[in-house]
C-alpha atoms as a PDB file:
ATOM      1  CA  MET A   1       0.101  -0.208   0.261  1.00  0.00           C
ATOM      2  CA  SER A   2       1.377   3.133  -1.065  1.00  0.00           C
ATOM      3  CA  SER A   3       1.852   6.111   1.450  1.00  0.00           C
ATOM      4  CA  PRO A   4      -0.966   8.331   0.537  1.00  0.00           C
ATOM      5  CA  ALA A   5      -3.333   5.771   0.714  1.00  0.00           C
ATOM      6  CA  ALA A   6      -2.149   4.094   4.339  1.00  0.00           C
ATOM      7  CA  MET A   7      -2.991   7.723   5.489  1.00  0.00           C
ATOM      8  CA  LEU A   8      -6.331   7.882   3.721  1.00  0.00           C
ATOM      9  CA  ALA A   9      -6.861   4.716   5.463  1.00  0.00           C
ATOM     10  CA  ALA A  10      -5.673   5.718   9.136  1.00  0.00           C
ATOM     11  CA  GLY A  11      -7.641   9.167   8.538  1.00  0.00           C
ATOM     12  CA  SER A  12     -11.085   6.991   7.655  1.00  0.00           C
ATOM     13  CA  SER A  13     -10.174   4.973  10.876  1.00  0.00           C
ATOM     14  CA  ILE A  14     -10.357   8.150  12.850  1.00  0.00           C
ATOM     15  CA  CYS A  15     -13.293   9.474  11.328  1.00  0.00           C
ATOM     16  CA  ALA A  16     -15.364   6.368  11.856  1.00  0.00           C
ATOM     17  CA  VAL A  17     -14.420   6.629  15.801  1.00  0.00           C
ATOM     18  CA  ALA A  18     -15.561  10.201  15.991  1.00  0.00           C
ATOM     19  CA  ALA A  19     -18.730   9.307  14.110  1.00  0.00           C
ATOM     20  CA  ILE A  20     -19.807   6.629  16.734  1.00  0.00           C
ATOM     21  CA  ALA A  21     -18.840   8.754  19.629  1.00  0.00           C
ATOM     22  CA  LEU A  22     -20.369  12.002  18.084  1.00  0.00           C
ATOM     23  CA  ARG A  23     -23.562  11.210  16.057  1.00  0.00           C
ATOM     24  CA  SER A  24     -25.546  12.249  19.093  1.00  0.00           C
ATOM     25  CA  GLU A  25     -24.583  16.150  19.246  1.00  0.00           C
ATOM     26  CA  ASP A  26     -27.062  16.996  21.799  1.00  0.00           C
ATOM     27  CA  VAL A  27     -26.279  14.216  24.544  1.00  0.00           C
ATOM     28  CA  VAL A  28     -22.258  15.396  24.034  1.00  0.00           C
ATOM     29  CA  GLY A  29     -23.635  18.913  24.417  1.00  0.00           C
ATOM     30  CA  ASP A  30     -25.331  18.533  27.453  1.00  0.00           C
ATOM     31  CA  ARG A  31     -22.387  16.729  28.991  1.00  0.00           C
ATOM     32  CA  LEU A  32     -19.775  19.207  27.661  1.00  0.00           C
ATOM     33  CA  ALA A  33     -22.267  21.983  29.494  1.00  0.00           C
ATOM     34  CA  ALA A  34     -22.469  20.604  32.527  1.00  0.00           C
ATOM     35  CA  LEU A  35     -19.318  20.292  33.391  1.00  0.00           C
ATOM     36  CA  GLY A  36     -16.610  22.775  34.689  1.00  0.00           C
ATOM     37  CA  SER A  37     -12.679  22.383  34.676  1.00  0.00           C
ATOM     38  CA  PRO A  38     -11.022  21.694  32.022  1.00  0.00           C
ATOM     39  CA  ARG A  39      -9.456  18.145  33.501  1.00  0.00           C
ATOM     40  CA  ALA A  40     -13.126  17.309  33.818  1.00  0.00           C
ATOM     41  CA  LEU A  41     -14.015  18.742  30.663  1.00  0.00           C
ATOM     42  CA  GLY A  42     -11.529  16.131  29.432  1.00  0.00           C
ATOM     43  CA  GLN A  43     -13.413  13.412  31.776  1.00  0.00           C
ATOM     44  CA  GLY A  44     -16.937  14.210  30.550  1.00  0.00           C
ATOM     45  CA  PHE A  45     -15.841  14.005  26.865  1.00  0.00           C
ATOM     46  CA  VAL A  46     -14.064  10.563  26.904  1.00  0.00           C
ATOM     47  CA  ALA A  47     -16.994   9.317  28.987  1.00  0.00           C
ATOM     48  CA  ALA A  48     -19.408  10.626  26.629  1.00  0.00           C
ATOM     49  CA  ILE A  49     -17.123   8.746  23.603  1.00  0.00           C
ATOM     50  CA  LEU A  50     -17.130   5.306  25.758  1.00  0.00           C
ATOM     51  CA  GLU A  51     -20.849   6.157  26.305  1.00  0.00           C
ATOM     52  CA  ARG A  52     -21.565   5.993  22.386  1.00  0.00           C
ATOM     53  CA  ILE A  53     -19.130   3.357  21.989  1.00  0.00           C
ATOM     54  CA  SER A  54     -20.846   0.831  24.341  1.00  0.00           C
ATOM     55  CA  ARG A  55     -24.137   1.163  22.559  1.00  0.00           C
ATOM     56  CA  VAL A  56     -23.501   0.319  19.360  1.00  0.00           C
ATOM     57  CA  GLY A  57     -25.033  -2.987  18.389  1.00  0.00           C
ATOM     58  CA  TRP A  58     -21.921  -5.536  17.601  1.00  0.00           C
ATOM     59  CA  VAL A  59     -20.025  -3.748  20.632  1.00  0.00           C
ATOM     60  CA  ARG A  60     -22.491  -5.210  22.876  1.00  0.00           C
ATOM     61  CA  ARG A  61     -22.133  -8.816  21.683  1.00  0.00           C
ATOM     62  CA  ILE A  62     -18.622  -8.607  22.395  1.00  0.00           C
ATOM     63  CA  PRO A  63     -17.786 -11.484  24.935  1.00  0.00           C
ATOM     64  CA  LEU A  64     -16.454 -10.443  28.505  1.00  0.00           C
ATOM     65  CA  SER A  65     -14.538 -12.694  31.186  1.00  0.00           C
ATOM     66  CA  GLU A  66     -16.779 -13.501  33.944  1.00  0.00           C
ATOM     67  CA  ARG A  67     -14.049 -12.202  35.976  1.00  0.00           C
ATOM     68  CA  VAL A  68     -14.396  -8.575  34.694  1.00  0.00           C
ATOM     69  CA  PRO A  69     -17.119  -7.128  37.160  1.00  0.00           C
ATOM     70  CA  ALA A  70     -15.419  -8.303  39.908  1.00  0.00           C
ATOM     71  CA  LEU A  71     -11.839  -7.054  38.962  1.00  0.00           C
ATOM     72  CA  LEU A  72     -13.988  -3.702  38.130  1.00  0.00           C
ATOM     73  CA  ALA A  73     -15.144  -3.761  41.806  1.00  0.00           C
ATOM     74  CA  THR A  74     -11.600  -4.554  42.990  1.00  0.00           C
ATOM     75  CA  ALA A  75      -9.560  -2.134  40.844  1.00  0.00           C
ATOM     76  CA  GLU A  76     -12.295   0.743  41.933  1.00  0.00           C
ATOM     77  CA  TRP A  77     -12.384   1.327  38.195  1.00  0.00           C
ATOM     78  CA  SER A  78     -15.411   3.982  37.550  1.00  0.00           C
ATOM     79  CA  VAL A  79     -16.483   1.955  34.549  1.00  0.00           C
ATOM     80  CA  ASP A  80     -19.288  -0.524  34.180  1.00  0.00           C
ATOM     81  CA  PRO A  81     -18.345  -3.808  31.689  1.00  0.00           C
ATOM     82  CA  ALA A  82     -20.840  -1.948  28.996  1.00  0.00           C
ATOM     83  CA  ARG A  83     -18.062   0.742  29.064  1.00  0.00           C
ATOM     84  CA  PHE A  84     -15.088  -1.457  29.472  1.00  0.00           C
ATOM     85  CA  ARG A  85     -15.992  -3.009  26.104  1.00  0.00           C
ATOM     86  CA  GLY A  86     -16.156   0.732  24.518  1.00  0.00           C
ATOM     87  CA  ILE A  87     -12.198   1.053  26.173  1.00  0.00           C
ATOM     88  CA  LYS A  88     -10.832  -2.141  24.652  1.00  0.00           C
ATOM     89  CA  VAL A  89     -13.016  -0.861  21.208  1.00  0.00           C
ATOM     90  CA  LEU A  90     -11.477   2.276  21.704  1.00  0.00           C
ATOM     91  CA  CYS A  91      -7.763   0.672  22.437  1.00  0.00           C
ATOM     92  CA  ALA A  92      -8.227  -1.495  19.479  1.00  0.00           C
ATOM     93  CA  SER A  93      -9.106   1.047  16.975  1.00  0.00           C
ATOM     94  CA  ALA A  94      -6.427   3.503  18.540  1.00  0.00           C
ATOM     95  CA  GLY A  95      -3.819   0.416  17.358  1.00  0.00           C
ATOM     96  CA  LEU A  96      -5.139  -0.211  14.176  1.00  0.00           C
ATOM     97  CA  VAL A  97      -4.785   3.249  13.259  1.00  0.00           C
ATOM     98  CA  VAL A  98      -0.960   3.635  14.391  1.00  0.00           C
ATOM     99  CA  ALA A  99      -0.338   0.204  12.535  1.00  0.00           C
ATOM    100  CA  LEU A 100      -1.830   1.569   9.587  1.00  0.00           C
ATOM    101  CA  ALA A 101       0.212   4.775   9.570  1.00  0.00           C
ATOM    102  CA  GLY A 102       3.062   3.032  10.149  1.00  0.00           C
ATOM    103  CA  MET A 103       2.324   1.529   6.603  1.00  0.00           C
ATOM    104  CA  ALA A 104       3.258   4.950   5.506  1.00  0.00           C
ATOM    105  CA  PHE A 105       7.006   4.468   6.136  1.00  0.00           C
ATOM    106  CA  ASP A 106       7.352   0.468   6.478  1.00  0.00           C
ATOM    107  CA  PRO A 107       5.133  -1.747   4.061  1.00  0.00           C
ATOM    108  CA  VAL A 108       5.897  -4.551   6.877  1.00  0.00           C
ATOM    109  CA  ALA A 109       3.599  -3.406   8.997  1.00  0.00           C
ATOM    110  CA  ALA A 110       0.494  -4.435   7.201  1.00  0.00           C
ATOM    111  CA  VAL A 111       1.504  -7.483   8.399  1.00  0.00           C
ATOM    112  CA  ILE A 112       1.835  -7.006  12.049  1.00  0.00           C
ATOM    113  CA  SER A 113      -1.049  -4.436  12.025  1.00  0.00           C
ATOM    114  CA  PRO A 114      -3.635  -7.239  12.843  1.00  0.00           C
ATOM    115  CA  LEU A 115      -1.497  -8.467  15.933  1.00  0.00           C
ATOM    116  CA  ILE A 116      -0.937  -4.671  16.912  1.00  0.00           C
ATOM    117  CA  ALA A 117      -5.069  -4.735  16.839  1.00  0.00           C
ATOM    118  CA  VAL A 118      -5.385  -7.333  18.922  1.00  0.00           C
ATOM    119  CA  ALA A 119      -2.688  -6.528  21.118  1.00  0.00           C
ATOM    120  CA  SER A 120      -4.593  -3.298  21.733  1.00  0.00           C
ATOM    121  CA  PHE A 121      -7.641  -5.096  22.139  1.00  0.00           C
ATOM    122  CA  GLN A 122      -6.206  -7.586  25.122  1.00  0.00           C
ATOM    123  CA  GLY A 123      -4.229  -4.399  26.612  1.00  0.00           C
ATOM    124  CA  PRO A 124      -7.186  -3.371  28.936  1.00  0.00           C
ATOM    125  CA  ASP A 125      -7.784  -6.587  30.423  1.00  0.00           C
ATOM    126  CA  LEU A 126      -3.989  -6.682  31.467  1.00  0.00           C
ATOM    127  CA  TRP A 127      -4.072  -3.108  33.025  1.00  0.00           C
ATOM    128  CA  LEU A 128      -7.696  -4.275  34.722  1.00  0.00           C
ATOM    129  CA  ALA A 129      -6.069  -7.592  36.056  1.00  0.00           C
ATOM    130  CA  ARG A 130      -2.874  -5.282  37.110  1.00  0.00           C
ATOM    131  CA  SER A 131      -4.663  -2.522  38.922  1.00  0.00           C
ATOM    132  CA  ALA A 132      -6.691  -5.404  40.716  1.00  0.00           C
ATOM    133  CA  ARG A 133      -3.830  -7.530  41.842  1.00  0.00           C
ATOM    134  CA  SER A 134      -2.072  -3.995  43.189  1.00  0.00           C
ATOM    135  CA  CYS A 135      -4.967  -3.232  45.130  1.00  0.00           C
ATOM    136  CA  ARG A 136      -5.418  -6.363  46.708  1.00  0.00           C
ATOM    137  CA  SER A 137      -1.709  -6.155  47.619  1.00  0.00           C
ATOM    138  CA  ARG A 138      -2.349  -3.227  49.488  1.00  0.00           C
ATOM    139  CA  ALA A 139      -5.411  -4.545  51.297  1.00  0.00           C
ATOM    140  CA  ASP A 140      -3.066  -7.433  52.011  1.00  0.00           C
ATOM    141  CA  LEU A 141      -0.544  -5.364  54.003  1.00  0.00           C
ATOM    142  CA  GLU A 142      -3.400  -3.919  56.120  1.00  0.00           C
ATOM    143  CA  LEU A 143      -4.681  -6.981  56.945  1.00  0.00           C
ATOM    144  CA  PRO A 144      -3.049  -8.112  60.169  1.00  0.00           C
ATOM    145  CA  GLN A 145      -3.404  -4.688  61.183  1.00  0.00           C
ATOM    146  CA  PHE A 146      -7.112  -4.971  60.614  1.00  0.00           C
ATOM    147  CA  LEU A 147      -7.174  -8.564  62.813  1.00  0.00           C
ATOM    148  CA  ASP A 148      -5.163  -6.837  65.796  1.00  0.00           C
ATOM    149  CA  LEU A 149      -8.420  -4.184  65.666  1.00  0.00           C
ATOM    150  CA  LEU A 150     -10.718  -6.426  65.539  1.00  0.00           C
ATOM    151  CA  ALA A 151      -9.410  -8.549  68.237  1.00  0.00           C
ATOM    152  CA  ALA A 152      -8.949  -5.468  70.660  1.00  0.00           C
ATOM    153  CA  GLY A 153     -12.358  -4.247  69.756  1.00  0.00           C
ATOM    154  CA  SER A 154     -13.902  -7.851  70.426  1.00  0.00           C
ATOM    155  CA  THR A 155     -12.078  -8.185  74.067  1.00  0.00           C
ATOM    156  CA  ALA A 156     -13.664  -4.770  74.945  1.00  0.00           C
ATOM    157  CA  GLY A 157     -17.027  -6.181  74.580  1.00  0.00           C
ATOM    158  CA  LEU A 158     -18.142  -5.158  70.861  1.00  0.00           C
ATOM    159  CA  GLY A 159     -20.093  -7.565  68.924  1.00  0.00           C
ATOM    160  CA  PRO A 160     -18.509  -8.619  65.659  1.00  0.00           C
ATOM    161  CA  HIS A 161     -20.530  -5.819  63.950  1.00  0.00           C
ATOM    162  CA  GLY A 162     -19.323  -3.049  66.217  1.00  0.00           C
ATOM    163  CA  ALA A 163     -15.718  -4.105  66.239  1.00  0.00           C
ATOM    164  CA  LEU A 164     -15.600  -4.160  62.106  1.00  0.00           C
ATOM    165  CA  ARG A 165     -17.076  -0.899  62.446  1.00  0.00           C
ATOM    166  CA  ARG A 166     -13.985   0.676  64.517  1.00  0.00           C
ATOM    167  CA  ALA A 167     -11.499  -1.568  63.184  1.00  0.00           C
ATOM    168  CA  ALA A 168     -12.428  -0.179  59.801  1.00  0.00           C
ATOM    169  CA  GLY A 169     -12.083   3.578  60.508  1.00  0.00           C
ATOM    170  CA  ALA A 170      -8.127   2.645  61.973  1.00  0.00           C
ATOM    171  CA  THR A 171      -7.370   1.356  58.620  1.00  0.00           C
ATOM    172  CA  SER A 172      -6.570   2.847  54.960  1.00  0.00           C
ATOM    173  CA  GLY A 173      -6.415   2.098  51.241  1.00  0.00           C
ATOM    174  CA  PRO A 174      -8.504  -0.373  49.398  1.00  0.00           C
ATOM    175  CA  LEU A 175      -9.126  -2.347  52.591  1.00  0.00           C
ATOM    176  CA  ARG A 176     -11.208   0.804  54.203  1.00  0.00           C
ATOM    177  CA  ARG A 177     -12.687   1.207  50.960  1.00  0.00           C
ATOM    178  CA  GLU A 178     -14.042  -2.267  50.788  1.00  0.00           C
ATOM    179  CA  LEU A 179     -14.861  -2.429  54.781  1.00  0.00           C
ATOM    180  CA  GLU A 180     -16.928   1.254  54.516  1.00  0.00           C
ATOM    181  CA  ARG A 181     -18.958  -0.229  51.199  1.00  0.00           C
ATOM    182  CA  PHE A 182     -19.477  -3.632  53.473  1.00  0.00           C
ATOM    183  CA  LEU A 183     -20.745  -1.437  56.090  1.00  0.00           C
ATOM    184  CA  ASP A 184     -22.865   0.946  53.884  1.00  0.00           C
ATOM    185  CA  ALA A 185     -24.382  -2.238  52.899  1.00  0.00           C
ATOM    186  CA  VAL A 186     -25.311  -3.337  56.321  1.00  0.00           C
ATOM    187  CA  ASP A 187     -26.614  -0.543  57.113  1.00  0.00           C
ATOM    188  CA  LEU A 188     -28.839  -0.286  54.217  1.00  0.00           C
ATOM    189  CA  GLY A 189     -30.196  -3.891  55.456  1.00  0.00           C
ATOM    190  CA  ALA A 190     -28.099  -6.574  54.191  1.00  0.00           C
ATOM    191  CA  ARG A 191     -27.215  -9.353  55.870  1.00  0.00           C
ATOM    192  CA  TRP A 192     -23.969  -8.980  57.349  1.00  0.00           C
ATOM    193  CA  ARG A 193     -22.810 -12.362  57.099  1.00  0.00           C
ATOM    194  CA  ASP A 194     -23.243 -12.925  53.089  1.00  0.00           C
ATOM    195  CA  GLN A 195     -21.654  -9.010  52.840  1.00  0.00           C
ATOM    196  CA  LEU A 196     -18.976 -10.654  54.504  1.00  0.00           C
ATOM    197  CA  ASP A 197     -18.570 -13.643  52.108  1.00  0.00           C
ATOM    198  CA  ALA A 198     -18.757 -11.162  49.536  1.00  0.00           C
ATOM    199  CA  LEU A 199     -16.258  -9.039  50.793  1.00  0.00           C
ATOM    200  CA  GLY A 200     -13.525 -11.732  50.477  1.00  0.00           C
ATOM    201  CA  GLU A 201     -14.364 -13.009  47.581  1.00  0.00           C
ATOM    202  CA  ARG A 202     -14.401  -9.835  46.385  1.00  0.00           C
ATOM    203  CA  LEU A 203     -10.639  -9.547  47.314  1.00  0.00           C
ATOM    204  CA  GLY A 204      -9.501 -12.682  46.628  1.00  0.00           C
ATOM    205  CA  LEU A 205      -7.242 -12.423  49.953  1.00  0.00           C
ATOM    206  CA  ALA A 206      -7.009 -16.192  51.560  1.00  0.00           C
ATOM    207  CA  ASP A 207      -6.222 -14.473  55.287  1.00  0.00           C
ATOM    208  CA  LEU A 208      -9.425 -12.368  55.300  1.00  0.00           C
ATOM    209  CA  ARG A 209     -11.325 -15.091  54.047  1.00  0.00           C
ATOM    210  CA  ARG A 210      -9.903 -17.084  57.197  1.00  0.00           C
ATOM    211  CA  ALA A 211     -11.142 -14.103  59.317  1.00  0.00           C
ATOM    212  CA  VAL A 212     -14.785 -14.029  57.881  1.00  0.00           C
ATOM    213  CA  HIS A 213     -15.184 -17.936  58.659  1.00  0.00           C
ATOM    214  CA  ALA A 214     -13.779 -17.350  62.209  1.00  0.00           C
ATOM    215  CA  MET A 215     -16.370 -14.354  63.016  1.00  0.00           C
ATOM    216  CA  VAL A 216     -19.246 -16.560  61.604  1.00  0.00           C
ATOM    217  CA  ARG A 217     -18.081 -19.536  63.276  1.00  0.00           C
ATOM    218  CA  THR A 218     -17.511 -18.161  66.870  1.00  0.00           C
ATOM    219  CA  GLU A 219     -20.931 -16.263  66.100  1.00  0.00           C
ATOM    220  CA  ARG A 220     -23.001 -19.166  65.341  1.00  0.00           C
ATOM    221  CA  LEU A 221     -21.024 -21.249  68.202  1.00  0.00           C
ATOM    222  CA  GLY A 222     -20.784 -18.546  70.877  1.00  0.00           C
ATOM    223  CA  SER A 223     -17.155 -18.801  71.637  1.00  0.00           C
ATOM    224  CA  SER A 224     -14.563 -16.066  71.948  1.00  0.00           C
ATOM    225  CA  LEU A 225     -14.105 -13.927  68.814  1.00  0.00           C
ATOM    226  CA  ALA A 226     -11.117 -11.981  70.590  1.00  0.00           C
ATOM    227  CA  GLU A 227      -9.212 -15.626  71.175  1.00  0.00           C
ATOM    228  CA  ALA A 228      -9.688 -16.698  67.689  1.00  0.00           C
ATOM    229  CA  LEU A 229      -8.930 -13.235  65.847  1.00  0.00           C
ATOM    230  CA  ARG A 230      -5.496 -13.052  68.176  1.00  0.00           C
ATOM    231  CA  GLU A 231      -4.842 -16.823  67.312  1.00  0.00           C
ATOM    232  CA  LEU A 232      -5.514 -15.981  63.425  1.00  0.00           C
ATOM    233  CA  ALA A 233      -3.509 -12.542  63.694  1.00  0.00           C
ATOM    234  CA  ASP A 234      -0.406 -14.534  64.882  1.00  0.00           C
ATOM    235  CA  ASP A 235      -0.750 -17.477  62.761  1.00  0.00           C
ATOM    236  CA  VAL A 236      -0.613 -14.486  59.461  1.00  0.00           C
ATOM    237  CA  ARG A 237       2.310 -13.049  60.825  1.00  0.00           C
ATOM    238  CA  ASP A 238       4.075 -16.147  61.481  1.00  0.00           C
ATOM    239  CA  GLU A 239       3.107 -17.081  57.831  1.00  0.00           C
ATOM    240  CA  ARG A 240       4.388 -13.980  56.290  1.00  0.00           C
ATOM    241  CA  ARG A 241       7.438 -13.804  58.392  1.00  0.00           C
ATOM    242  CA  SER A 242       8.328 -17.014  56.766  1.00  0.00           C
ATOM    243  CA  ARG A 243       7.457 -16.008  53.439  1.00  0.00           C
ATOM    244  CA  ALA A 244       9.502 -13.005  53.724  1.00  0.00           C
ATOM    245  CA  THR A 245      12.592 -15.290  54.906  1.00  0.00           C
ATOM    246  CA  GLU A 246      11.820 -17.585  51.787  1.00  0.00           C
ATOM    247  CA  THR A 247      12.070 -14.724  49.432  1.00  0.00           C
ATOM    248  CA  ALA A 248      15.238 -13.267  51.243  1.00  0.00           C
ATOM    249  CA  ARG A 249      16.771 -17.007  50.727  1.00  0.00           C
ATOM    250  CA  LYS A 250      16.081 -16.623  46.580  1.00  0.00           C
ATOM    251  CA  ALA A 251      17.338 -13.226  46.320  1.00  0.00           C
ATOM    252  CA  PRO A 252      21.231 -14.577  45.662  1.00  0.00           C
ATOM    253  CA  VAL A 253      19.995 -16.754  42.893  1.00  0.00           C
ATOM    254  CA  LYS A 254      18.000 -13.970  41.156  1.00  0.00           C
ATOM    255  CA  MET A 255      21.057 -11.677  41.308  1.00  0.00           C
ATOM    256  CA  LEU A 256      23.202 -14.280  39.286  1.00  0.00           C
ATOM    257  CA  PHE A 257      21.510 -13.174  35.956  1.00  0.00           C
ATOM    258  CA  PRO A 258      22.643  -9.567  36.009  1.00  0.00           C
ATOM    259  CA  LEU A 259      25.633 -10.620  38.006  1.00  0.00           C
ATOM    260  CA  VAL A 260      27.091 -12.935  35.305  1.00  0.00           C
ATOM    261  CA  PHE A 261      25.427 -11.217  32.316  1.00  0.00           C
ATOM    262  CA  MET A 262      25.796  -7.516  32.990  1.00  0.00           C
ATOM    263  CA  VAL A 263      28.073  -6.696  35.716  1.00  0.00           C
ATOM    264  CA  LEU A 264      30.521  -9.235  35.084  1.00  0.00           C
ATOM    265  CA  PRO A 265      31.415  -8.296  31.206  1.00  0.00           C
ATOM    266  CA  ALA A 266      31.626  -4.610  32.164  1.00  0.00           C
ATOM    267  CA  PHE A 267      34.222  -5.699  35.189  1.00  0.00           C
ATOM    268  CA  LEU A 268      36.393  -8.110  32.524  1.00  0.00           C
ATOM    269  CA  LEU A 269      36.182  -5.043  30.266  1.00  0.00           C
ATOM    270  CA  LEU A 270      37.673  -2.357  32.366  1.00  0.00           C
ATOM    271  CA  THR A 271      40.385  -4.905  33.963  1.00  0.00           C
ATOM    272  CA  VAL A 272      41.590  -7.676  31.982  1.00  0.00           C
ATOM    273  CA  VAL A 273      40.985  -6.291  28.157  1.00  0.00           C
ATOM    274  CA  PRO A 274      43.278  -3.261  28.741  1.00  0.00           C
ATOM    275  CA  VAL A 275      45.854  -6.042  30.202  1.00  0.00           C
ATOM    276  CA  LEU A 276      45.324  -8.352  27.212  1.00  0.00           C
ATOM    277  CA  ILE A 277      45.768  -5.012  24.830  1.00  0.00           C
ATOM    278  CA  ALA A 278      48.796  -3.909  26.739  1.00  0.00           C
ATOM    279  CA  THR A 279      50.522  -7.264  26.536  1.00  0.00           C
ATOM    280  CA  VAL A 280      50.064  -7.760  22.849  1.00  0.00           C
ATOM    281  CA  ARG A 281      51.416  -4.137  22.103  1.00  0.00           C
ATOM    282  CA  SER A 282      54.547  -5.630  23.928  1.00  0.00           C
ATOM    283  CA  LEU A 283      54.592  -8.640  21.964  1.00  0.00           C
ATOM    284  CA  ARG A 284      54.966  -6.641  18.893  1.00  0.00           C
END
């Protein structure tokens, strides 16, 4: 494909995406009029584009993984699965436009343009999974302190719900936001056991699931919640201390690759090579 044809195809793709997004001028006008700051203006414009793309018939038929709603909730993305489809389509269109524009400089780009489009389409999934994993990691760091606070509240005579409310106020990060969501649902009339199970499944933390099961079991059997939570907090700390020790023991093995392939060649280049050059010159 020649250079003008490639540029024409790229421009056509951009116009197609813009036409899908902006064909309802009244909706876009209302969105823009309701916004104030330049940053909010840009966010509203992108939201309008995603809204229009997600309403297209063939876009709504794109299958999504069953894990996407849970990942969106864990990563705290302010989009629903329908708009997430729009993000995937928009990224794939942008990748295809870049590939077609690259054909103006290198015809080989025509071969890899489908691969670029597929990679751009799967990019939001990888980004979402990484964001959810990051939120889980930050929530996992707060978990031992949360268990200690639960045990302290139970020792002071608070029930499971009251201890959870007090412990949630002393935590931070994603764990606090998830706990506040749980407490809001309970205040609206939801059963706290069901919401605790949903919280454990949403975050996917094994130690939090153990805490949920301990709270439900002690509430049913009438046993001491403070003692069970204190033992669980000690077990969690011991397990994390063991994992940290194991990770520290693996560090020297992981350092062999950069040492052998990066540091050692530079060391030999700076020490041995000058000696060899001087020796060869002296022999001549």
